[in-house]
Amino acid sequence: MESSNLLGAKNQWMMRRAISVAVVAVSMSAVSMAYAAGGGSMSGGGNAEMPEKRMSPEEQAVVAYNAGVRKLKDAAEYEQDAAQAADTKKIAKATDKAKKSYERAFKDFSRATDYVPTMHEAWNYVGFTQRHLGKYDASLAAYAKALQLKPNYPEAIEYRGEAYLGLNAIDDAKKAFLALARTSPALAGQLMKAMEKWIAQKRDNPSGIDPTTLQAFEVWTKEQSSTALSAAALSRW
């Protein structure tokens, strides 16, 4: 299922890049305030050149988080290269590079959670990287942690919905979509696109799911898309 998302991976990352930047900016601000309260001379967060022993756990978490985000960008670019390549060897090479970037990003985000266990944004990306590595159960555990720290966190709900698809857990994916449809229509639309791609793939390779269930799910997605379009049209009046 993950391989079917190659073309959309970069767009998905770009859409959420602004969120990631905002998150880090808030974290860095919090670090600055902590140092000011403690009388420290440091203004702002740490950076990669600063000796680790001089950085607070919060600063180290931000550095690790930022490093992970950069590697996600690399992974998305490699996936796009793979999607556009015609040569089998080039596809395999780009796909392998994307996998390694996700593995490195996973380590960065995991390190961020070691430094600051309550950093829900980092837990969310731990789940994201694990999902792209095909480790769906571990991915769900990380999303659960992010949602425990920040209930109703929309990005984690959408990402988790895609992980449910990877496990053929259709009912759980539906619940994720309906939750997002009420609170975050844009992310609901993103999950709907993932559902449609999943359905298209399962038509060709219905492994793990029976045709009747697949057909019913396809009908459901069309109904939901139609409802969303109608609601959007009414909101413009």
Protein backbone atom coordinates (compact mmCIF):
# COMPACT_ATOMS: atom_id res chain seq x y z
CA MET A 1 0.00 0.00 0.00
CA GLU A 2 2.87 2.34 0.84
CA SER A 3 4.29 2.08 -2.67
CA SER A 4 1.00 3.32 -4.10
CA ASN A 5 1.46 6.62 -2.30
CA LEU A 6 4.69 7.61 -4.07
CA LEU A 7 3.24 10.46 -6.13
CA GLY A 8 1.35 11.96 -3.22
CA ALA A 9 4.12 11.71 -0.63
CA LYS A 10 5.85 14.98 -1.50
CA ASN A 11 2.58 16.93 -1.67
CA GLN A 12 1.56 15.47 1.68
CA TRP A 13 4.86 16.53 3.21
CA MET A 14 4.64 20.03 1.74
CA MET A 15 1.14 20.50 3.05
CA ARG A 16 2.30 19.78 6.58
CA ARG A 17 5.67 21.49 6.42
CA ALA A 18 4.12 24.73 7.67
CA ILE A 19 2.75 22.84 10.65
CA SER A 20 6.17 21.39 11.45
CA VAL A 21 7.85 24.79 11.24
CA ALA A 22 5.24 26.32 13.52
CA VAL A 23 5.68 23.50 16.03
CA VAL A 24 9.43 23.96 16.17
CA ALA A 25 9.07 27.73 16.48
CA VAL A 26 6.81 27.26 19.51
CA SER A 27 9.22 24.75 21.03
CA MET A 28 12.17 27.07 20.53
CA SER A 29 10.23 29.91 22.12
CA ALA A 30 9.51 27.75 25.14
CA VAL A 31 13.21 26.89 25.41
CA SER A 32 14.15 30.60 25.32
CA MET A 33 11.68 31.38 28.08
CA ALA A 34 13.07 28.57 30.21
CA TYR A 35 16.60 29.91 29.90
CA ALA A 36 15.46 33.46 30.66
CA ALA A 37 13.72 32.28 33.81
CA GLY A 38 16.82 30.40 34.89
CA GLY A 39 19.16 33.28 34.24
CA GLY A 40 20.98 31.49 31.41
CA SER A 41 22.79 33.49 28.77
CA MET A 42 21.47 31.47 25.81
CA SER A 43 18.80 33.17 23.72
CA GLY A 44 16.82 30.72 21.62
CA GLY A 45 17.26 27.04 20.95
CA GLY A 46 20.37 25.06 20.33
CA ASN A 47 21.91 24.07 17.04
CA ALA A 48 23.90 21.20 15.59
CA GLU A 49 27.26 22.90 16.24
CA MET A 50 26.62 23.51 19.92
CA PRO A 51 28.27 20.95 22.24
CA GLU A 52 25.56 18.59 23.42
CA LYS A 53 26.50 18.99 27.10
CA ARG A 54 25.60 22.70 26.88
CA MET A 55 22.15 22.08 25.47
CA SER A 56 19.03 21.46 27.50
CA PRO A 57 16.90 18.37 26.75
CA GLU A 58 14.32 20.66 25.15
CA GLU A 59 16.90 22.13 22.80
CA GLN A 60 18.29 18.74 21.91
CA ALA A 61 14.75 17.55 21.15
CA VAL A 62 14.20 20.48 18.79
CA VAL A 63 17.51 19.82 17.01
CA ALA A 64 16.64 16.14 16.59
CA TYR A 65 13.12 16.98 15.43
CA ASN A 66 14.38 19.43 12.81
CA ALA A 67 16.89 16.86 11.57
CA GLY A 68 14.07 14.36 11.17
CA VAL A 69 11.94 16.80 9.21
CA ARG A 70 14.81 17.41 6.79
CA LYS A 71 15.16 13.67 6.23
CA LEU A 72 11.42 13.40 5.54
CA LYS A 73 11.90 15.95 2.79
CA ASP A 74 14.70 13.82 1.34
CA ALA A 75 12.50 10.72 1.50
CA ALA A 76 9.66 12.47 -0.31
CA GLU A 77 12.02 13.61 -3.07
CA TYR A 78 13.41 10.10 -3.51
CA GLU A 79 9.89 8.71 -3.69
CA GLN A 80 9.02 11.22 -6.37
CA ASP A 81 12.15 10.19 -8.29
CA ALA A 82 11.05 6.57 -8.06
CA ALA A 83 7.55 7.41 -9.27
CA GLN A 84 8.90 9.28 -12.28
CA ALA A 85 11.61 6.79 -13.23
CA ALA A 86 11.04 4.32 -16.07
CA ASP A 87 14.10 2.15 -15.53
CA THR A 88 13.66 -0.69 -13.02
CA LYS A 89 17.12 -0.20 -11.52
CA LYS A 90 16.54 3.53 -11.03
CA ILE A 91 13.22 2.85 -9.35
CA ALA A 92 14.83 0.34 -6.99
CA LYS A 93 17.70 2.71 -6.20
CA ALA A 94 15.43 5.67 -5.45
CA THR A 95 13.10 3.50 -3.39
CA ASP A 96 16.00 2.22 -1.33
CA LYS A 97 17.22 5.77 -0.71
CA ALA A 98 13.74 6.77 0.43
CA LYS A 99 13.64 3.81 2.83
CA LYS A 100 17.00 4.75 4.33
CA SER A 101 15.86 8.37 4.74
CA TYR A 102 12.77 7.19 6.62
CA GLU A 103 14.95 4.99 8.82
CA ARG A 104 17.23 7.91 9.65
CA ALA A 105 14.27 10.20 10.27
CA PHE A 106 12.78 7.61 12.60
CA LYS A 107 15.97 7.66 14.67
CA ASP A 108 15.89 11.46 14.86
CA PHE A 109 12.26 11.61 15.97
CA SER A 110 12.81 8.79 18.45
CA ARG A 111 15.75 10.70 19.89
CA ALA A 112 13.52 13.76 20.24
CA THR A 113 11.04 11.72 22.29
CA ASP A 114 13.90 10.46 24.45
CA TYR A 115 14.87 14.03 25.25
CA VAL A 116 11.29 15.23 25.73
CA PRO A 117 8.87 12.30 26.18
CA THR A 118 5.87 14.66 26.06
CA MET A 119 6.68 16.02 22.57
CA HIS A 120 3.55 14.85 20.78
CA GLU A 121 4.71 16.20 17.40
CA ALA A 122 7.76 13.93 17.51
CA TRP A 123 5.66 10.91 18.50
CA ASN A 124 3.42 11.65 15.54
CA TYR A 125 6.38 11.52 13.17
CA VAL A 126 7.69 8.37 14.83
CA GLY A 127 4.42 6.85 13.71
CA PHE A 128 4.69 8.43 10.27
CA THR A 129 8.16 7.02 9.61
CA GLN A 130 7.25 3.58 10.95
CA ARG A 131 4.20 3.51 8.70
CA HIS A 132 6.29 4.31 5.64
CA LEU A 133 8.63 1.49 6.64
CA GLY A 134 5.68 -0.90 6.70
CA LYS A 135 5.75 -1.33 10.49
CA TYR A 136 2.07 -0.66 11.02
CA ASP A 137 1.67 -1.97 14.57
CA ALA A 138 4.60 0.12 15.81
CA SER A 139 3.17 3.04 13.86
CA LEU A 140 -0.20 2.73 15.60
CA ALA A 141 1.49 2.59 19.00
CA ALA A 142 3.30 5.87 18.28
CA TYR A 143 0.11 7.57 17.06
CA ALA A 144 -1.64 6.39 20.21
CA LYS A 145 1.09 8.02 22.28
CA ALA A 146 0.76 11.29 20.34
CA LEU A 147 -3.01 11.26 20.86
CA GLN A 148 -2.61 10.44 24.53
CA LEU A 149 -0.45 13.55 24.90
CA LYS A 150 -2.72 15.67 22.71
CA PRO A 151 -6.23 14.22 22.34
CA ASN A 152 -7.91 14.80 18.98
CA TYR A 153 -4.60 15.79 17.37
CA PRO A 154 -5.81 15.92 13.73
CA GLU A 155 -2.52 15.09 12.01
CA ALA A 156 -2.12 11.96 14.13
CA ILE A 157 -5.71 10.93 13.40
CA GLU A 158 -5.15 11.25 9.64
CA TYR A 159 -1.82 9.44 9.68
CA ARG A 160 -3.30 6.70 11.85
CA GLY A 161 -6.17 6.34 9.39
CA GLU A 162 -3.66 5.56 6.65
CA ALA A 163 -1.94 3.05 8.92
CA TYR A 164 -5.29 1.33 9.44
CA LEU A 165 -5.58 0.97 5.67
CA GLY A 166 -2.20 -0.73 5.62
CA LEU A 167 -3.63 -3.31 8.01
CA ASN A 168 -6.91 -3.62 6.05
CA ALA A 169 -8.71 -2.24 9.11
CA ILE A 170 -11.44 -0.53 7.11
CA ASP A 171 -13.82 0.23 9.98
CA ASP A 172 -11.10 2.01 11.94
CA ALA A 173 -10.11 4.01 8.85
CA LYS A 174 -13.75 5.04 8.43
CA LYS A 175 -13.89 6.27 12.02
CA ALA A 176 -10.75 8.33 11.47
CA PHE A 177 -12.27 9.90 8.36
CA LEU A 178 -15.55 10.76 10.09
CA ALA A 179 -13.71 12.33 13.02
CA LEU A 180 -11.66 14.49 10.65
CA ALA A 181 -14.69 15.40 8.54
CA ARG A 182 -16.15 17.14 11.59
CA THR A 183 -13.02 18.96 12.69
CA SER A 184 -10.43 19.09 9.89
CA PRO A 185 -11.99 18.86 6.40
CA ALA A 186 -8.65 19.31 4.62
CA LEU A 187 -7.10 16.34 6.42
CA ALA A 188 -10.29 14.36 5.86
CA GLY A 189 -9.80 14.99 2.15
CA GLN A 190 -6.23 13.77 2.41
CA LEU A 191 -7.36 10.56 4.06
CA MET A 192 -10.07 10.12 1.43
CA LYS A 193 -7.43 10.27 -1.30
CA ALA A 194 -5.45 7.59 0.53
CA MET A 195 -8.60 5.47 0.74
CA GLU A 196 -9.23 5.82 -2.98
CA LYS A 197 -5.65 4.82 -3.78
CA TRP A 198 -5.94 1.85 -1.44
CA ILE A 199 -9.14 0.73 -3.16
CA ALA A 200 -7.53 1.03 -6.59
CA GLN A 201 -4.62 -1.11 -5.47
CA LYS A 202 -6.85 -3.72 -3.87
CA ARG A 203 -8.82 -4.12 -7.07
CA ASP A 204 -5.64 -5.44 -8.68
CA ASN A 205 -4.38 -7.30 -5.62
CA PRO A 206 -7.18 -7.96 -3.09
CA SER A 207 -4.84 -9.65 -0.62
CA GLY A 208 -6.34 -9.82 2.87
CA ILE A 209 -9.78 -8.54 1.96
CA ASP A 210 -12.78 -10.11 0.25
CA PRO A 211 -14.30 -8.52 -2.89
CA THR A 212 -17.68 -7.87 -1.27
CA THR A 213 -16.12 -5.89 1.57
CA LEU A 214 -13.97 -3.97 -0.88
CA GLN A 215 -16.97 -3.11 -3.03
CA ALA A 216 -18.96 -1.93 -0.01
CA PHE A 217 -16.06 0.24 1.09
CA GLU A 218 -15.80 1.79 -2.36
CA VAL A 219 -19.52 2.63 -2.27
CA TRP A 220 -19.05 4.18 1.17
CA THR A 221 -16.14 6.38 0.03
CA LYS A 222 -18.17 7.64 -2.92
CA GLU A 223 -21.09 8.49 -0.66
CA GLN A 224 -18.82 10.35 1.74
CA SER A 225 -17.16 12.27 -1.10
CA SER A 226 -20.57 13.25 -2.45
CA THR A 227 -21.70 14.40 0.99
CA ALA A 228 -18.54 16.47 1.44
CA LEU A 229 -19.02 18.13 -1.94
CA SER A 230 -22.63 18.96 -1.13
CA ALA A 231 -21.66 20.45 2.22
CA ALA A 232 -18.95 22.54 0.58
CA ALA A 233 -21.41 23.84 -2.02
CA LEU A 234 -23.92 24.80 0.66
CA SER A 235 -21.26 26.60 2.69
CA ARG A 236 -20.62 28.94 -0.24
CA TRP A 237 -24.17 30.26 -0.20
